[in-house]
């Protein structure tokens, strides 16, 4: 499972010209799910995400977690995070999980994030064409892959 995490001043996701989710200060999280991801990947990533200290403290240092600033999450599914560009110019998405595997894991990720963080969690809709807008604060963008946790 891969996450691209962006610290945002505000963000929204629009589907069919209608805002589906929006946040003020917090994190936009793009999530890509592989066919062999499990609940263990979710648990590890959610704990990491909730405790990641990437918000500024009183001295301007990245020393606070999203919980400490009472931030919000915007979660967007994005299978293209598993694109392989090794051969040719057309990316391959062979590692990305099929919807029957990915959708339950995506929903479980959202549920676990709500439970562990006790913060607002907004989302897009899995598998739809979405337009995501954000003001990346910093900019701060972090990539985490649950297969690289050691």
N, C-alpha and C. Protein backbone atom coordinates (compact mmCIF):
# COMPACT_ATOMS: atom_id res chain seq x y z
N UNK A 1 0.85 -1.17 0.00
CA UNK A 1 0.00 0.00 0.00
C UNK A 1 0.90 1.23 0.00
N UNK A 2 0.56 2.17 -0.83
CA UNK A 2 1.35 3.39 -0.95
C UNK A 2 0.50 4.61 -0.64
N UNK A 3 1.11 5.55 0.06
CA UNK A 3 0.46 6.82 0.36
C UNK A 3 1.33 7.96 -0.13
N UNK A 4 0.71 8.94 -0.74
CA UNK A 4 1.33 10.23 -0.97
C UNK A 4 0.56 11.19 -0.08
N UNK A 5 1.29 11.81 0.85
CA UNK A 5 0.69 12.65 1.88
C UNK A 5 1.10 14.09 1.60
N UNK A 6 0.12 14.97 1.51
CA UNK A 6 0.40 16.38 1.27
C UNK A 6 -0.24 17.21 2.38
N UNK A 7 0.59 18.02 3.03
CA UNK A 7 0.07 18.93 4.05
C UNK A 7 -0.65 20.06 3.32
N UNK A 8 -1.89 20.32 3.71
CA UNK A 8 -2.71 21.28 2.98
C UNK A 8 -3.30 22.35 3.89
N UNK A 9 -3.35 23.57 3.35
CA UNK A 9 -4.08 24.66 4.03
C UNK A 9 -5.57 24.46 3.83
N UNK A 10 -5.95 23.96 2.65
CA UNK A 10 -7.32 23.53 2.37
C UNK A 10 -7.29 22.67 1.12
N UNK A 11 -8.33 21.88 0.95
CA UNK A 11 -8.39 20.97 -0.20
C UNK A 11 -9.83 20.53 -0.42
N UNK A 12 -10.09 20.09 -1.65
CA UNK A 12 -11.42 19.55 -1.97
C UNK A 12 -11.29 18.55 -3.10
N UNK A 13 -12.29 17.69 -3.20
CA UNK A 13 -12.40 16.75 -4.31
C UNK A 13 -13.78 16.94 -4.94
N UNK A 14 -13.76 17.08 -6.26
CA UNK A 14 -14.99 17.32 -7.02
C UNK A 14 -15.23 16.14 -7.94
N UNK A 15 -16.49 15.70 -7.98
CA UNK A 15 -16.91 14.60 -8.85
C UNK A 15 -18.15 15.07 -9.58
N UNK A 16 -18.14 14.98 -10.90
CA UNK A 16 -19.27 15.44 -11.72
C UNK A 16 -19.69 16.87 -11.37
N UNK A 17 -18.72 17.75 -11.26
CA UNK A 17 -18.93 19.18 -10.99
C UNK A 17 -19.57 19.46 -9.62
N UNK A 18 -19.48 18.51 -8.70
CA UNK A 18 -20.04 18.68 -7.37
C UNK A 18 -18.98 18.32 -6.34
N UNK A 19 -18.79 19.18 -5.34
CA UNK A 19 -17.80 18.89 -4.30
C UNK A 19 -18.28 17.70 -3.48
N UNK A 20 -17.43 16.68 -3.41
CA UNK A 20 -17.76 15.47 -2.66
C UNK A 20 -17.16 15.51 -1.25
N UNK A 21 -16.04 16.19 -1.09
CA UNK A 21 -15.39 16.31 0.21
C UNK A 21 -14.47 17.50 0.22
N UNK A 22 -14.36 18.16 1.37
CA UNK A 22 -13.42 19.28 1.48
C UNK A 22 -12.93 19.38 2.92
N UNK A 23 -11.72 19.92 3.05
CA UNK A 23 -11.12 20.09 4.38
C UNK A 23 -10.47 21.47 4.47
N UNK A 24 -10.27 21.89 5.70
CA UNK A 24 -9.45 23.06 5.96
C UNK A 24 -8.05 22.51 6.24
N UNK A 25 -7.38 22.98 7.21
CA UNK A 25 -6.01 22.55 7.51
C UNK A 25 -5.95 21.05 7.80
N UNK A 26 -5.03 20.37 7.12
CA UNK A 26 -4.89 18.93 7.36
C UNK A 26 -4.04 18.26 6.32
N UNK A 27 -4.42 17.01 6.01
CA UNK A 27 -3.64 16.19 5.09
C UNK A 27 -4.51 15.65 3.96
N UNK A 28 -4.00 15.80 2.74
CA UNK A 28 -4.58 15.12 1.59
C UNK A 28 -3.75 13.85 1.42
N UNK A 29 -4.43 12.72 1.38
CA UNK A 29 -3.74 11.43 1.30
C UNK A 29 -4.23 10.69 0.07
N UNK A 30 -3.30 10.48 -0.87
CA UNK A 30 -3.58 9.66 -2.04
C UNK A 30 -3.17 8.24 -1.68
N UNK A 31 -4.07 7.27 -1.88
CA UNK A 31 -3.80 5.90 -1.47
C UNK A 31 -3.89 4.96 -2.66
N UNK A 32 -2.81 4.19 -2.84
CA UNK A 32 -2.75 3.17 -3.88
C UNK A 32 -2.64 1.81 -3.24
N UNK A 33 -3.50 0.89 -3.66
CA UNK A 33 -3.58 -0.43 -3.03
C UNK A 33 -3.09 -1.50 -4.01
N UNK A 34 -2.18 -2.35 -3.52
CA UNK A 34 -1.65 -3.47 -4.30
C UNK A 34 -2.47 -4.72 -4.05
N UNK A 35 -2.37 -5.68 -4.96
CA UNK A 35 -3.15 -6.92 -4.85
C UNK A 35 -2.78 -7.75 -3.63
N UNK A 36 -1.57 -7.58 -3.07
CA UNK A 36 -1.19 -8.39 -1.90
C UNK A 36 -1.20 -7.59 -0.59
N UNK A 37 -1.82 -6.42 -0.57
CA UNK A 37 -1.94 -5.65 0.67
C UNK A 37 -2.92 -6.32 1.62
N UNK A 38 -2.69 -6.09 2.92
CA UNK A 38 -3.50 -6.74 3.96
C UNK A 38 -3.92 -5.73 5.02
N UNK A 39 -4.66 -6.21 6.01
CA UNK A 39 -5.05 -5.37 7.14
C UNK A 39 -3.83 -4.90 7.94
N UNK A 40 -2.76 -5.69 7.93
CA UNK A 40 -1.52 -5.26 8.60
C UNK A 40 -0.95 -4.00 7.97
N UNK A 41 -1.03 -3.90 6.64
CA UNK A 41 -0.57 -2.70 5.95
C UNK A 41 -1.40 -1.49 6.39
N UNK A 42 -2.69 -1.69 6.50
CA UNK A 42 -3.58 -0.61 6.92
C UNK A 42 -3.22 -0.15 8.33
N UNK A 43 -3.11 -1.09 9.25
CA UNK A 43 -2.81 -0.73 10.65
C UNK A 43 -1.51 0.05 10.77
N UNK A 44 -0.48 -0.42 10.07
CA UNK A 44 0.82 0.25 10.14
C UNK A 44 0.74 1.65 9.56
N UNK A 45 0.11 1.78 8.39
CA UNK A 45 0.04 3.09 7.73
C UNK A 45 -0.83 4.08 8.49
N UNK A 46 -1.95 3.63 9.02
CA UNK A 46 -2.82 4.53 9.78
C UNK A 46 -2.09 5.05 11.02
N UNK A 47 -1.41 4.17 11.74
CA UNK A 47 -0.65 4.60 12.92
C UNK A 47 0.42 5.61 12.53
N UNK A 48 1.11 5.34 11.44
CA UNK A 48 2.14 6.26 10.96
C UNK A 48 1.53 7.61 10.57
N UNK A 49 0.44 7.58 9.87
CA UNK A 49 -0.23 8.79 9.39
C UNK A 49 -0.74 9.66 10.53
N UNK A 50 -1.36 9.05 11.50
CA UNK A 50 -1.93 9.79 12.63
C UNK A 50 -0.84 10.43 13.49
N UNK A 51 0.31 9.79 13.57
CA UNK A 51 1.38 10.28 14.45
C UNK A 51 2.50 11.04 13.74
N UNK A 52 2.42 11.14 12.43
CA UNK A 52 3.46 11.81 11.65
C UNK A 52 3.55 13.28 12.06
N UNK A 53 4.73 13.70 12.47
CA UNK A 53 4.92 15.07 12.97
C UNK A 53 5.41 15.96 11.83
N UNK A 54 4.45 16.51 11.08
CA UNK A 54 4.80 17.35 9.94
C UNK A 54 4.10 18.71 9.96
N UNK A 55 3.53 19.06 11.10
CA UNK A 55 2.92 20.38 11.25
C UNK A 55 3.79 21.24 12.15
N UNK A 56 3.80 22.53 11.87
CA UNK A 56 4.70 23.44 12.57
C UNK A 56 4.27 23.69 14.01
N UNK A 57 5.29 23.74 14.88
CA UNK A 57 5.06 24.14 16.27
C UNK A 57 5.21 25.66 16.37
N UNK A 58 5.24 26.15 17.60
CA UNK A 58 5.34 27.59 17.85
C UNK A 58 6.64 28.19 17.32
N UNK A 59 7.67 27.36 17.17
CA UNK A 59 8.97 27.83 16.66
C UNK A 59 9.12 27.62 15.15
N UNK A 60 8.05 27.17 14.49
CA UNK A 60 8.10 26.96 13.05
C UNK A 60 8.74 25.65 12.63
N UNK A 61 8.99 24.76 13.57
CA UNK A 61 9.59 23.45 13.25
C UNK A 61 8.48 22.41 13.08
N UNK A 62 8.69 21.50 12.14
CA UNK A 62 7.70 20.43 11.95
C UNK A 62 7.81 19.46 13.12
N UNK A 63 6.93 19.66 14.08
CA UNK A 63 7.03 18.92 15.33
C UNK A 63 5.67 18.48 15.87
N UNK A 64 4.59 18.78 15.15
CA UNK A 64 3.25 18.44 15.64
C UNK A 64 2.57 17.47 14.68
N UNK A 65 1.74 16.61 15.26
CA UNK A 65 0.95 15.67 14.45
C UNK A 65 -0.37 16.32 14.07
N UNK A 66 -1.08 15.67 13.19
CA UNK A 66 -2.38 16.17 12.77
C UNK A 66 -3.36 16.23 13.94
N UNK A 67 -3.22 15.30 14.88
CA UNK A 67 -4.09 15.32 16.06
C UNK A 67 -3.82 16.54 16.93
N UNK A 68 -2.56 16.92 17.04
CA UNK A 68 -2.20 18.06 17.87
C UNK A 68 -2.72 19.39 17.32
N UNK A 69 -2.95 19.45 16.01
CA UNK A 69 -3.49 20.68 15.44
C UNK A 69 -4.99 20.56 15.16
N UNK A 70 -5.57 19.41 15.51
CA UNK A 70 -6.99 19.13 15.26
C UNK A 70 -7.31 19.31 13.77
N UNK A 71 -6.46 18.70 12.93
CA UNK A 71 -6.61 18.81 11.49
C UNK A 71 -7.64 17.86 10.93
N UNK A 72 -7.72 17.82 9.61
CA UNK A 72 -8.68 16.98 8.92
C UNK A 72 -7.96 16.19 7.83
N UNK A 73 -8.59 15.10 7.39
CA UNK A 73 -8.05 14.27 6.32
C UNK A 73 -8.96 14.33 5.09
N UNK A 74 -8.34 14.31 3.92
CA UNK A 74 -9.05 14.09 2.66
C UNK A 74 -8.36 12.90 2.00
N UNK A 75 -9.08 11.77 1.90
CA UNK A 75 -8.53 10.51 1.39
C UNK A 75 -9.03 10.28 -0.04
N UNK A 76 -8.08 10.05 -0.96
CA UNK A 76 -8.40 9.86 -2.37
C UNK A 76 -7.75 8.57 -2.85
N UNK A 77 -8.55 7.66 -3.43
CA UNK A 77 -7.98 6.44 -4.00
C UNK A 77 -7.27 6.79 -5.31
N UNK A 78 -6.11 6.16 -5.53
CA UNK A 78 -5.34 6.46 -6.74
C UNK A 78 -4.49 5.26 -7.14
N UNK A 79 -5.04 4.43 -8.00
CA UNK A 79 -4.33 3.22 -8.43
C UNK A 79 -3.05 3.54 -9.19
N UNK A 80 -2.95 4.74 -9.76
CA UNK A 80 -1.77 5.09 -10.55
C UNK A 80 -0.51 5.21 -9.70
N UNK A 81 -0.63 5.18 -8.37
CA UNK A 81 0.56 5.18 -7.52
C UNK A 81 1.38 3.90 -7.71
N UNK A 82 0.78 2.89 -8.32
CA UNK A 82 1.48 1.63 -8.57
C UNK A 82 1.90 1.49 -10.03
N UNK A 83 2.01 2.60 -10.73
CA UNK A 83 2.44 2.57 -12.13
C UNK A 83 3.89 2.11 -12.22
N UNK A 84 4.13 1.23 -13.17
CA UNK A 84 5.49 0.81 -13.49
C UNK A 84 5.84 1.43 -14.84
N UNK A 85 6.97 2.14 -14.87
CA UNK A 85 7.38 2.80 -16.10
C UNK A 85 8.70 2.24 -16.64
N UNK A 86 9.02 1.02 -16.23
CA UNK A 86 10.29 0.41 -16.63
C UNK A 86 10.37 0.15 -18.12
N UNK A 87 9.28 -0.30 -18.72
CA UNK A 87 9.30 -0.64 -20.14
C UNK A 87 8.42 0.33 -20.91
N UNK A 88 8.94 0.84 -21.99
CA UNK A 88 8.16 1.68 -22.88
C UNK A 88 7.71 2.98 -22.24
N UNK A 89 6.71 3.58 -22.88
CA UNK A 89 6.21 4.89 -22.43
C UNK A 89 4.79 4.84 -21.89
N UNK A 90 4.18 3.67 -21.94
CA UNK A 90 2.84 3.52 -21.39
C UNK A 90 2.96 2.79 -20.06
N UNK A 91 2.59 3.45 -18.95
CA UNK A 91 2.72 2.80 -17.64
C UNK A 91 1.89 1.53 -17.55
N UNK A 92 2.41 0.59 -16.78
CA UNK A 92 1.69 -0.65 -16.46
C UNK A 92 1.18 -0.55 -15.03
N UNK A 93 -0.03 -1.02 -14.81
CA UNK A 93 -0.64 -0.97 -13.48
C UNK A 93 -0.89 -2.37 -12.94
N UNK A 94 -0.06 -3.31 -13.35
CA UNK A 94 -0.25 -4.72 -13.01
C UNK A 94 -0.24 -4.97 -11.50
N UNK A 95 0.50 -4.14 -10.73
CA UNK A 95 0.56 -4.34 -9.28
C UNK A 95 -0.65 -3.78 -8.54
N UNK A 96 -1.39 -2.89 -9.18
CA UNK A 96 -2.56 -2.29 -8.53
C UNK A 96 -3.64 -3.36 -8.33
N UNK A 97 -4.26 -3.32 -7.17
CA UNK A 97 -5.30 -4.30 -6.84
C UNK A 97 -6.54 -4.07 -7.69
N UNK A 98 -7.20 -5.16 -8.03
CA UNK A 98 -8.49 -5.09 -8.72
C UNK A 98 -9.53 -4.55 -7.73
N UNK A 99 -10.60 -3.96 -8.23
CA UNK A 99 -11.60 -3.35 -7.34
C UNK A 99 -12.15 -4.29 -6.27
N UNK A 100 -12.33 -5.57 -6.59
CA UNK A 100 -12.89 -6.50 -5.59
C UNK A 100 -11.96 -6.68 -4.39
N UNK A 101 -10.68 -6.42 -4.56
CA UNK A 101 -9.72 -6.47 -3.46
C UNK A 101 -9.52 -5.07 -2.88
N UNK A 102 -9.39 -4.09 -3.75
CA UNK A 102 -9.04 -2.74 -3.32
C UNK A 102 -10.16 -2.02 -2.57
N UNK A 103 -11.39 -2.15 -3.01
CA UNK A 103 -12.49 -1.40 -2.38
C UNK A 103 -12.65 -1.76 -0.91
N UNK A 104 -12.70 -3.03 -0.53
CA UNK A 104 -12.81 -3.34 0.91
C UNK A 104 -11.63 -2.82 1.72
N UNK A 105 -10.41 -2.89 1.16
CA UNK A 105 -9.24 -2.37 1.87
C UNK A 105 -9.29 -0.85 1.99
N UNK A 106 -9.72 -0.18 0.94
CA UNK A 106 -9.89 1.28 0.96
C UNK A 106 -10.89 1.68 2.05
N UNK A 107 -12.02 1.01 2.08
CA UNK A 107 -13.04 1.32 3.09
C UNK A 107 -12.54 1.02 4.50
N UNK A 108 -11.80 -0.06 4.67
CA UNK A 108 -11.24 -0.41 5.98
C UNK A 108 -10.21 0.64 6.42
N UNK A 109 -9.40 1.11 5.48
CA UNK A 109 -8.42 2.16 5.78
C UNK A 109 -9.14 3.40 6.33
N UNK A 110 -10.21 3.81 5.67
CA UNK A 110 -10.96 4.99 6.09
C UNK A 110 -11.56 4.77 7.48
N UNK A 111 -12.14 3.60 7.71
CA UNK A 111 -12.75 3.31 9.02
C UNK A 111 -11.71 3.33 10.13
N UNK A 112 -10.57 2.68 9.89
CA UNK A 112 -9.52 2.64 10.90
C UNK A 112 -8.95 4.03 11.17
N UNK A 113 -8.83 4.83 10.12
CA UNK A 113 -8.34 6.20 10.28
C UNK A 113 -9.31 7.03 11.14
N UNK A 114 -10.60 6.88 10.90
CA UNK A 114 -11.60 7.60 11.71
C UNK A 114 -11.51 7.19 13.17
N UNK A 115 -11.38 5.90 13.43
CA UNK A 115 -11.33 5.38 14.79
C UNK A 115 -10.06 5.83 15.50
N UNK A 116 -8.91 5.65 14.85
CA UNK A 116 -7.64 5.98 15.50
C UNK A 116 -7.43 7.48 15.68
N UNK A 117 -7.86 8.27 14.72
CA UNK A 117 -7.57 9.71 14.79
C UNK A 117 -8.64 10.49 15.53
N UNK A 118 -9.89 10.04 15.45
CA UNK A 118 -11.02 10.78 16.00
C UNK A 118 -11.13 12.17 15.36
N UNK A 119 -10.68 12.29 14.11
CA UNK A 119 -10.73 13.54 13.36
C UNK A 119 -11.67 13.40 12.17
N UNK A 120 -11.99 14.51 11.54
CA UNK A 120 -12.81 14.50 10.33
C UNK A 120 -12.05 13.83 9.20
N UNK A 121 -12.73 12.89 8.52
CA UNK A 121 -12.15 12.21 7.37
C UNK A 121 -13.12 12.35 6.21
N UNK A 122 -12.72 13.12 5.22
CA UNK A 122 -13.50 13.30 3.99
C UNK A 122 -12.87 12.41 2.92
N UNK A 123 -13.65 12.07 1.88
CA UNK A 123 -13.14 11.16 0.85
C UNK A 123 -13.64 11.53 -0.53
N UNK A 124 -12.97 10.93 -1.50
CA UNK A 124 -13.50 10.90 -2.85
C UNK A 124 -14.36 9.64 -2.96
N UNK A 125 -14.60 9.20 -4.19
CA UNK A 125 -15.34 7.96 -4.42
C UNK A 125 -14.45 7.04 -5.23
N UNK A 126 -14.22 5.86 -4.71
CA UNK A 126 -13.31 4.89 -5.34
C UNK A 126 -13.71 4.67 -6.80
N UNK A 127 -12.72 4.73 -7.68
CA UNK A 127 -12.91 4.36 -9.08
C UNK A 127 -13.58 5.40 -9.95
N UNK A 128 -13.83 6.59 -9.42
CA UNK A 128 -14.46 7.62 -10.24
C UNK A 128 -13.42 8.62 -10.73
N UNK A 129 -13.81 9.40 -11.72
CA UNK A 129 -12.98 10.49 -12.21
C UNK A 129 -13.15 11.65 -11.24
N UNK A 130 -12.06 12.07 -10.62
CA UNK A 130 -12.12 13.11 -9.59
C UNK A 130 -11.17 14.24 -9.93
N UNK A 131 -11.53 15.43 -9.52
CA UNK A 131 -10.65 16.57 -9.61
C UNK A 131 -10.32 16.98 -8.18
N UNK A 132 -9.03 16.99 -7.87
CA UNK A 132 -8.58 17.32 -6.52
C UNK A 132 -7.88 18.67 -6.56
N UNK A 133 -8.31 19.56 -5.69
CA UNK A 133 -7.67 20.86 -5.55
C UNK A 133 -7.11 20.98 -4.16
N UNK A 134 -5.91 21.55 -4.05
CA UNK A 134 -5.36 21.79 -2.72
C UNK A 134 -4.36 22.93 -2.76
N UNK A 135 -4.21 23.53 -1.63
CA UNK A 135 -3.10 24.44 -1.42
C UNK A 135 -2.14 23.68 -0.53
N UNK A 136 -1.03 23.22 -1.15
CA UNK A 136 -0.03 22.43 -0.44
C UNK A 136 0.74 23.39 0.45
N UNK A 137 0.68 23.14 1.74
CA UNK A 137 1.28 24.01 2.74
C UNK A 137 2.74 23.64 2.95
N UNK A 138 3.63 24.50 2.54
CA UNK A 138 5.06 24.27 2.76
C UNK A 138 5.90 24.53 1.53
N UNK A 139 5.82 23.77 0.48
CA UNK A 139 5.05 22.54 0.31
C UNK A 139 5.66 21.37 1.09
N UNK A 140 4.78 20.53 1.61
CA UNK A 140 5.21 19.31 2.28
C UNK A 140 4.50 18.14 1.60
N UNK A 141 5.29 17.24 1.01
CA UNK A 141 4.77 16.05 0.36
C UNK A 141 5.65 14.88 0.77
N UNK A 142 5.02 13.81 1.27
CA UNK A 142 5.74 12.65 1.77
C UNK A 142 5.16 11.39 1.14
N UNK A 143 6.05 10.47 0.77
CA UNK A 143 5.66 9.19 0.18
C UNK A 143 5.97 8.08 1.17
N UNK A 144 4.98 7.21 1.44
CA UNK A 144 5.19 6.08 2.33
C UNK A 144 4.67 4.82 1.64
N UNK A 145 5.47 3.76 1.66
CA UNK A 145 5.10 2.48 1.10
C UNK A 145 5.18 1.45 2.22
N UNK A 146 4.08 0.76 2.48
CA UNK A 146 4.05 -0.21 3.58
C UNK A 146 4.99 -1.40 3.32
N UNK A 147 5.42 -1.58 2.10
CA UNK A 147 6.36 -2.67 1.81
C UNK A 147 7.79 -2.28 2.18
N UNK A 148 8.01 -1.03 2.54
CA UNK A 148 9.33 -0.54 2.91
C UNK A 148 9.37 -0.10 4.37
N UNK A 149 8.71 -0.82 5.24
CA UNK A 149 8.64 -0.38 6.64
C UNK A 149 9.83 -0.81 7.49
N UNK A 150 10.73 -1.58 6.93
CA UNK A 150 11.90 -1.99 7.70
C UNK A 150 13.16 -1.48 7.06
